[in-house]
Structure formats: C-alpha cells, structure tokens
C-alpha cells in the first residue's frame, strides 16, 4: 500500500509541475496561443482549467503525503529510539570504564 501511495505522490508532483510550467504568471501561457481564434470563451476556459488543475493537484499531493505518513511502517517515536540508544551506549561505556580501571 505504501508503494502505491508513493507512486501516486510522484505522479501528482510531476503533473503539478507540468501544469505550473504551462501557466504564464502574466496571463499568457497556453491561453495566449488561442487569443486570436477563440477570443470569446476558449481562453478563459483554458485559464480556469489550469487554475483548477493546480489547486486539485496541490490538494491531492498534500493528502497523499499525509496518507503516506500515516501508512508508514518504519516510523518509530523519537523517544523510543533515544532510550534504546542510551541503553546500548550506557552499557558499552560502563564496560569500557571497567576495563580502564583494571
């Protein structure tokens, strides 16, 4: 399941990047090529579609990242890892101290 979510994250990220690159911040972009032929409604529809696609892909990417985090099986609380490290390091230091004292 984690693999599927990861693949969906990559696809959403690539599509989001593509949609953002198609847009032009000054109002041109893909819709500028259609300005001469379809001045009435085609340009506005293209800009609306690209804006909606950007929002939907951004939200999808956010939700998929949250899902990936909640599905992660390798995550452990930091406190548990620190306790384990202290226990193993403490035991090694005590044995080292005993050897130096002898």
N, C-alpha and C. Protein backbone atom coordinates (compact mmCIF):
# COMPACT_ATOMS: atom_id res chain seq x y z
N UNK A 1 0.82 -1.19 0.00
CA UNK A 1 0.00 0.00 0.00
C UNK A 1 0.87 1.27 0.00
N UNK A 2 1.99 1.20 0.73
CA UNK A 2 2.89 2.36 0.75
C UNK A 2 3.45 2.65 -0.63
N UNK A 3 3.74 1.59 -1.37
CA UNK A 3 4.31 1.75 -2.70
C UNK A 3 3.32 2.45 -3.63
N UNK A 4 2.05 2.07 -3.54
CA UNK A 4 1.03 2.68 -4.40
C UNK A 4 0.88 4.16 -4.07
N UNK A 5 0.87 4.50 -2.80
CA UNK A 5 0.75 5.90 -2.40
C UNK A 5 1.97 6.68 -2.86
N UNK A 6 3.14 6.08 -2.77
CA UNK A 6 4.37 6.75 -3.22
C UNK A 6 4.32 7.01 -4.72
N UNK A 7 3.86 6.04 -5.49
CA UNK A 7 3.75 6.22 -6.94
C UNK A 7 2.74 7.33 -7.25
N UNK A 8 1.62 7.36 -6.53
CA UNK A 8 0.63 8.41 -6.75
C UNK A 8 1.19 9.79 -6.39
N UNK A 9 2.04 9.86 -5.36
CA UNK A 9 2.68 11.13 -5.00
C UNK A 9 3.59 11.61 -6.13
N UNK A 10 4.36 10.70 -6.69
CA UNK A 10 5.27 11.07 -7.78
C UNK A 10 4.47 11.54 -9.00
N UNK A 11 3.41 10.83 -9.33
CA UNK A 11 2.58 11.23 -10.48
C UNK A 11 1.95 12.59 -10.25
N UNK A 12 1.39 12.81 -9.06
CA UNK A 12 0.76 14.10 -8.75
C UNK A 12 1.78 15.23 -8.78
N UNK A 13 2.99 14.98 -8.28
CA UNK A 13 4.03 16.01 -8.27
C UNK A 13 4.46 16.36 -9.70
N UNK A 14 4.62 15.35 -10.54
CA UNK A 14 5.01 15.61 -11.93
C UNK A 14 3.92 16.36 -12.68
N UNK A 15 2.68 15.96 -12.50
CA UNK A 15 1.57 16.66 -13.15
C UNK A 15 1.45 18.09 -12.65
N UNK A 16 1.64 18.29 -11.35
CA UNK A 16 1.57 19.64 -10.79
C UNK A 16 2.68 20.51 -11.38
N UNK A 17 3.87 19.98 -11.48
CA UNK A 17 4.96 20.73 -12.09
C UNK A 17 4.67 21.08 -13.54
N UNK A 18 4.10 20.14 -14.27
CA UNK A 18 3.77 20.38 -15.67
C UNK A 18 2.70 21.47 -15.80
N UNK A 19 1.66 21.38 -14.99
CA UNK A 19 0.59 22.38 -15.05
C UNK A 19 1.11 23.76 -14.68
N UNK A 20 1.97 23.83 -13.69
CA UNK A 20 2.53 25.13 -13.28
C UNK A 20 3.42 25.71 -14.38
N UNK A 21 4.19 24.85 -15.03
CA UNK A 21 5.05 25.34 -16.10
C UNK A 21 4.27 25.79 -17.33
N UNK A 22 3.11 25.20 -17.56
CA UNK A 22 2.29 25.60 -18.70
C UNK A 22 1.74 27.00 -18.48
N UNK A 23 1.45 27.34 -17.25
CA UNK A 23 0.86 28.64 -16.96
C UNK A 23 1.90 29.74 -17.11
N UNK A 24 1.42 30.92 -17.44
CA UNK A 24 2.27 32.09 -17.53
C UNK A 24 1.80 33.07 -16.46
N UNK A 25 2.68 33.53 -15.58
CA UNK A 25 2.23 34.40 -14.50
C UNK A 25 1.67 35.74 -14.97
N UNK A 26 1.94 36.13 -16.19
CA UNK A 26 1.46 37.41 -16.68
C UNK A 26 0.15 37.27 -17.45
N UNK A 27 -0.48 36.13 -17.38
CA UNK A 27 -1.78 35.96 -18.02
C UNK A 27 -1.70 35.37 -19.41
N UNK A 28 -0.53 35.08 -19.91
CA UNK A 28 -0.38 34.50 -21.24
C UNK A 28 -0.41 32.99 -21.17
N UNK A 29 0.73 32.38 -21.26
CA UNK A 29 0.85 30.93 -21.16
C UNK A 29 0.18 30.21 -22.29
N UNK A 30 -0.42 29.09 -22.00
CA UNK A 30 -1.10 28.28 -23.01
C UNK A 30 -2.28 29.04 -23.59
N UNK A 31 -2.94 29.82 -22.79
CA UNK A 31 -4.11 30.54 -23.27
C UNK A 31 -3.74 31.65 -24.25
N UNK A 32 -2.51 32.12 -24.28
CA UNK A 32 -2.10 33.18 -25.20
C UNK A 32 -2.10 32.70 -26.64
N UNK A 33 -1.87 31.42 -26.86
CA UNK A 33 -1.87 30.88 -28.22
C UNK A 33 -3.25 30.84 -28.84
N UNK A 34 -4.28 30.84 -28.04
CA UNK A 34 -5.64 30.77 -28.54
C UNK A 34 -6.31 32.14 -28.60
N UNK A 35 -5.60 33.18 -28.31
CA UNK A 35 -6.20 34.51 -28.18
C UNK A 35 -6.80 35.00 -29.50
N UNK A 36 -6.17 34.71 -30.62
CA UNK A 36 -6.67 35.21 -31.90
C UNK A 36 -7.88 34.47 -32.41
N UNK A 37 -7.96 33.17 -32.19
CA UNK A 37 -9.03 32.39 -32.79
C UNK A 37 -10.27 32.27 -31.93
N UNK A 38 -10.11 32.20 -30.63
CA UNK A 38 -11.26 31.96 -29.76
C UNK A 38 -11.30 32.99 -28.64
N UNK A 39 -11.42 34.22 -29.00
CA UNK A 39 -11.40 35.30 -28.02
C UNK A 39 -12.59 35.26 -27.08
N UNK A 40 -13.70 34.69 -27.52
CA UNK A 40 -14.95 34.79 -26.75
C UNK A 40 -14.90 34.00 -25.45
N UNK A 41 -14.61 32.68 -25.50
CA UNK A 41 -14.68 31.91 -24.27
C UNK A 41 -13.58 30.89 -24.10
N UNK A 42 -12.86 30.55 -25.14
CA UNK A 42 -11.86 29.49 -25.07
C UNK A 42 -10.68 29.83 -24.18
N UNK A 43 -10.25 31.07 -24.22
CA UNK A 43 -9.09 31.47 -23.43
C UNK A 43 -9.41 31.41 -21.95
N UNK A 44 -10.54 31.90 -21.58
CA UNK A 44 -10.93 31.91 -20.17
C UNK A 44 -11.09 30.50 -19.64
N UNK A 45 -11.64 29.61 -20.46
CA UNK A 45 -11.82 28.23 -20.03
C UNK A 45 -10.47 27.54 -19.80
N UNK A 46 -9.50 27.81 -20.67
CA UNK A 46 -8.18 27.21 -20.51
C UNK A 46 -7.53 27.69 -19.23
N UNK A 47 -7.61 28.98 -18.96
CA UNK A 47 -7.02 29.53 -17.74
C UNK A 47 -7.72 28.97 -16.51
N UNK A 48 -9.05 28.87 -16.56
CA UNK A 48 -9.79 28.30 -15.44
C UNK A 48 -9.41 26.84 -15.20
N UNK A 49 -9.29 26.09 -16.29
CA UNK A 49 -8.93 24.68 -16.17
C UNK A 49 -7.55 24.53 -15.54
N UNK A 50 -6.60 25.33 -15.99
CA UNK A 50 -5.24 25.24 -15.44
C UNK A 50 -5.20 25.64 -13.97
N UNK A 51 -5.99 26.64 -13.61
CA UNK A 51 -6.02 27.06 -12.20
C UNK A 51 -6.66 25.98 -11.33
N UNK A 52 -7.77 25.42 -11.80
CA UNK A 52 -8.42 24.36 -11.04
C UNK A 52 -7.54 23.12 -10.94
N UNK A 53 -6.86 22.79 -12.03
CA UNK A 53 -5.97 21.64 -12.02
C UNK A 53 -4.84 21.85 -11.02
N UNK A 54 -4.32 23.07 -10.94
CA UNK A 54 -3.26 23.38 -9.98
C UNK A 54 -3.75 23.17 -8.55
N UNK A 55 -4.93 23.68 -8.25
CA UNK A 55 -5.48 23.52 -6.89
C UNK A 55 -5.76 22.07 -6.57
N UNK A 56 -6.40 21.35 -7.49
CA UNK A 56 -6.73 19.95 -7.23
C UNK A 56 -5.47 19.09 -7.05
N UNK A 57 -4.48 19.32 -7.89
CA UNK A 57 -3.25 18.54 -7.77
C UNK A 57 -2.49 18.89 -6.49
N UNK A 58 -2.51 20.16 -6.11
CA UNK A 58 -1.86 20.56 -4.85
C UNK A 58 -2.52 19.93 -3.64
N UNK A 59 -3.84 19.92 -3.63
CA UNK A 59 -4.57 19.30 -2.52
C UNK A 59 -4.34 17.79 -2.52
N UNK A 60 -4.37 17.18 -3.71
CA UNK A 60 -4.13 15.74 -3.81
C UNK A 60 -2.74 15.38 -3.31
N UNK A 61 -1.75 16.18 -3.65
CA UNK A 61 -0.39 15.93 -3.20
C UNK A 61 -0.29 16.04 -1.67
N UNK A 62 -0.95 17.03 -1.10
CA UNK A 62 -0.96 17.21 0.35
C UNK A 62 -1.61 16.01 1.04
N UNK A 63 -2.77 15.59 0.55
CA UNK A 63 -3.49 14.47 1.16
C UNK A 63 -2.69 13.18 1.01
N UNK A 64 -2.09 12.97 -0.15
CA UNK A 64 -1.29 11.76 -0.35
C UNK A 64 -0.06 11.74 0.56
N UNK A 65 0.53 12.89 0.80
CA UNK A 65 1.67 12.94 1.72
C UNK A 65 1.24 12.61 3.14
N UNK A 66 0.09 13.11 3.55
CA UNK A 66 -0.43 12.77 4.87
C UNK A 66 -0.74 11.28 4.96
N UNK A 67 -1.32 10.73 3.91
CA UNK A 67 -1.64 9.30 3.89
C UNK A 67 -0.36 8.47 3.95
N UNK A 68 0.65 8.90 3.24
CA UNK A 68 1.93 8.19 3.24
C UNK A 68 2.54 8.19 4.64
N UNK A 69 2.45 9.30 5.32
CA UNK A 69 2.98 9.39 6.67
C UNK A 69 2.22 8.47 7.63
N UNK A 70 0.91 8.45 7.50
CA UNK A 70 0.12 7.61 8.41
C UNK A 70 0.28 6.12 8.11
N UNK A 71 0.59 5.78 6.87
CA UNK A 71 0.76 4.38 6.49
C UNK A 71 2.18 3.86 6.69
N UNK A 72 3.09 4.74 7.01
CA UNK A 72 4.48 4.36 7.14
C UNK A 72 4.67 3.34 8.25
N UNK A 73 5.34 2.23 7.93
CA UNK A 73 5.56 1.17 8.92
C UNK A 73 6.93 1.28 9.56
N UNK A 74 7.81 2.09 9.00
CA UNK A 74 9.16 2.18 9.53
C UNK A 74 9.31 3.29 10.55
N UNK A 75 8.31 4.11 10.73
CA UNK A 75 8.42 5.23 11.66
C UNK A 75 8.28 4.75 13.10
N UNK A 76 9.15 5.27 13.95
CA UNK A 76 9.09 4.99 15.38
C UNK A 76 9.15 6.31 16.12
N UNK A 77 8.56 6.37 17.28
CA UNK A 77 8.68 7.60 18.06
C UNK A 77 10.13 7.88 18.42
N UNK A 78 10.51 9.12 18.42
CA UNK A 78 11.89 9.51 18.69
C UNK A 78 12.29 9.12 20.11
N UNK A 79 11.38 9.20 21.04
CA UNK A 79 11.69 8.89 22.44
C UNK A 79 12.14 7.43 22.58
N UNK A 80 11.51 6.51 21.86
CA UNK A 80 11.90 5.10 21.92
C UNK A 80 13.32 4.90 21.38
N UNK A 81 13.63 5.58 20.28
CA UNK A 81 14.97 5.44 19.70
C UNK A 81 16.03 6.00 20.64
N UNK A 82 15.74 7.13 21.29
CA UNK A 82 16.70 7.72 22.21
C UNK A 82 16.93 6.82 23.42
N UNK A 83 15.88 6.21 23.93
CA UNK A 83 16.02 5.31 25.07
C UNK A 83 16.85 4.10 24.70
N UNK A 84 16.62 3.56 23.51
CA UNK A 84 17.40 2.40 23.07
C UNK A 84 18.87 2.78 22.89
N UNK A 85 19.12 3.95 22.35
CA UNK A 85 20.49 4.40 22.15
C UNK A 85 21.19 4.61 23.49
N UNK A 86 20.49 5.22 24.45
CA UNK A 86 21.08 5.45 25.76
C UNK A 86 21.38 4.13 26.46
N UNK A 87 20.50 3.16 26.33
CA UNK A 87 20.71 1.87 26.97
C UNK A 87 21.91 1.16 26.37
N UNK A 88 22.03 1.16 25.06
CA UNK A 88 23.17 0.47 24.44
C UNK A 88 24.47 1.24 24.65
N UNK A 89 24.43 2.56 24.57
CA UNK A 89 25.64 3.35 24.79
C UNK A 89 26.08 3.28 26.25
N UNK A 90 25.13 3.31 27.15
CA UNK A 90 25.45 3.25 28.58
C UNK A 90 26.12 1.95 28.94
N UNK A 91 25.66 0.86 28.40
CA UNK A 91 26.26 -0.45 28.68
C UNK A 91 27.66 -0.54 28.12
N UNK A 92 27.90 0.03 26.97
CA UNK A 92 29.24 -0.01 26.38
C UNK A 92 30.19 0.88 27.16
N UNK A 93 29.73 2.02 27.63
CA UNK A 93 30.60 2.92 28.37
C UNK A 93 30.98 2.31 29.72
N UNK A 94 30.05 1.63 30.38
CA UNK A 94 30.37 1.03 31.67
C UNK A 94 31.39 -0.09 31.51
N UNK A 95 31.25 -0.90 30.48
CA UNK A 95 32.22 -1.96 30.29
C UNK A 95 33.58 -1.38 29.93
N UNK A 96 33.59 -0.27 29.19
CA UNK A 96 34.86 0.37 28.86
C UNK A 96 35.51 0.97 30.07
N UNK A 97 34.70 1.55 30.97
CA UNK A 97 35.23 2.14 32.20
C UNK A 97 35.83 1.05 33.09
N UNK A 98 35.20 -0.08 33.14
CA UNK A 98 35.70 -1.18 33.96
C UNK A 98 37.05 -1.67 33.43
N UNK A 99 37.19 -1.71 32.11
CA UNK A 99 38.45 -2.18 31.54
C UNK A 99 39.58 -1.18 31.81
N UNK A 100 39.27 0.12 31.77
CA UNK A 100 40.29 1.12 32.02
C UNK A 100 40.72 1.12 33.48
N UNK A 101 39.82 0.81 34.37
CA UNK A 101 40.14 0.79 35.81
C UNK A 101 41.01 -0.37 36.20
N UNK A 102 41.04 -1.42 35.43
CA UNK A 102 41.80 -2.61 35.79
C UNK A 102 43.25 -2.50 35.43
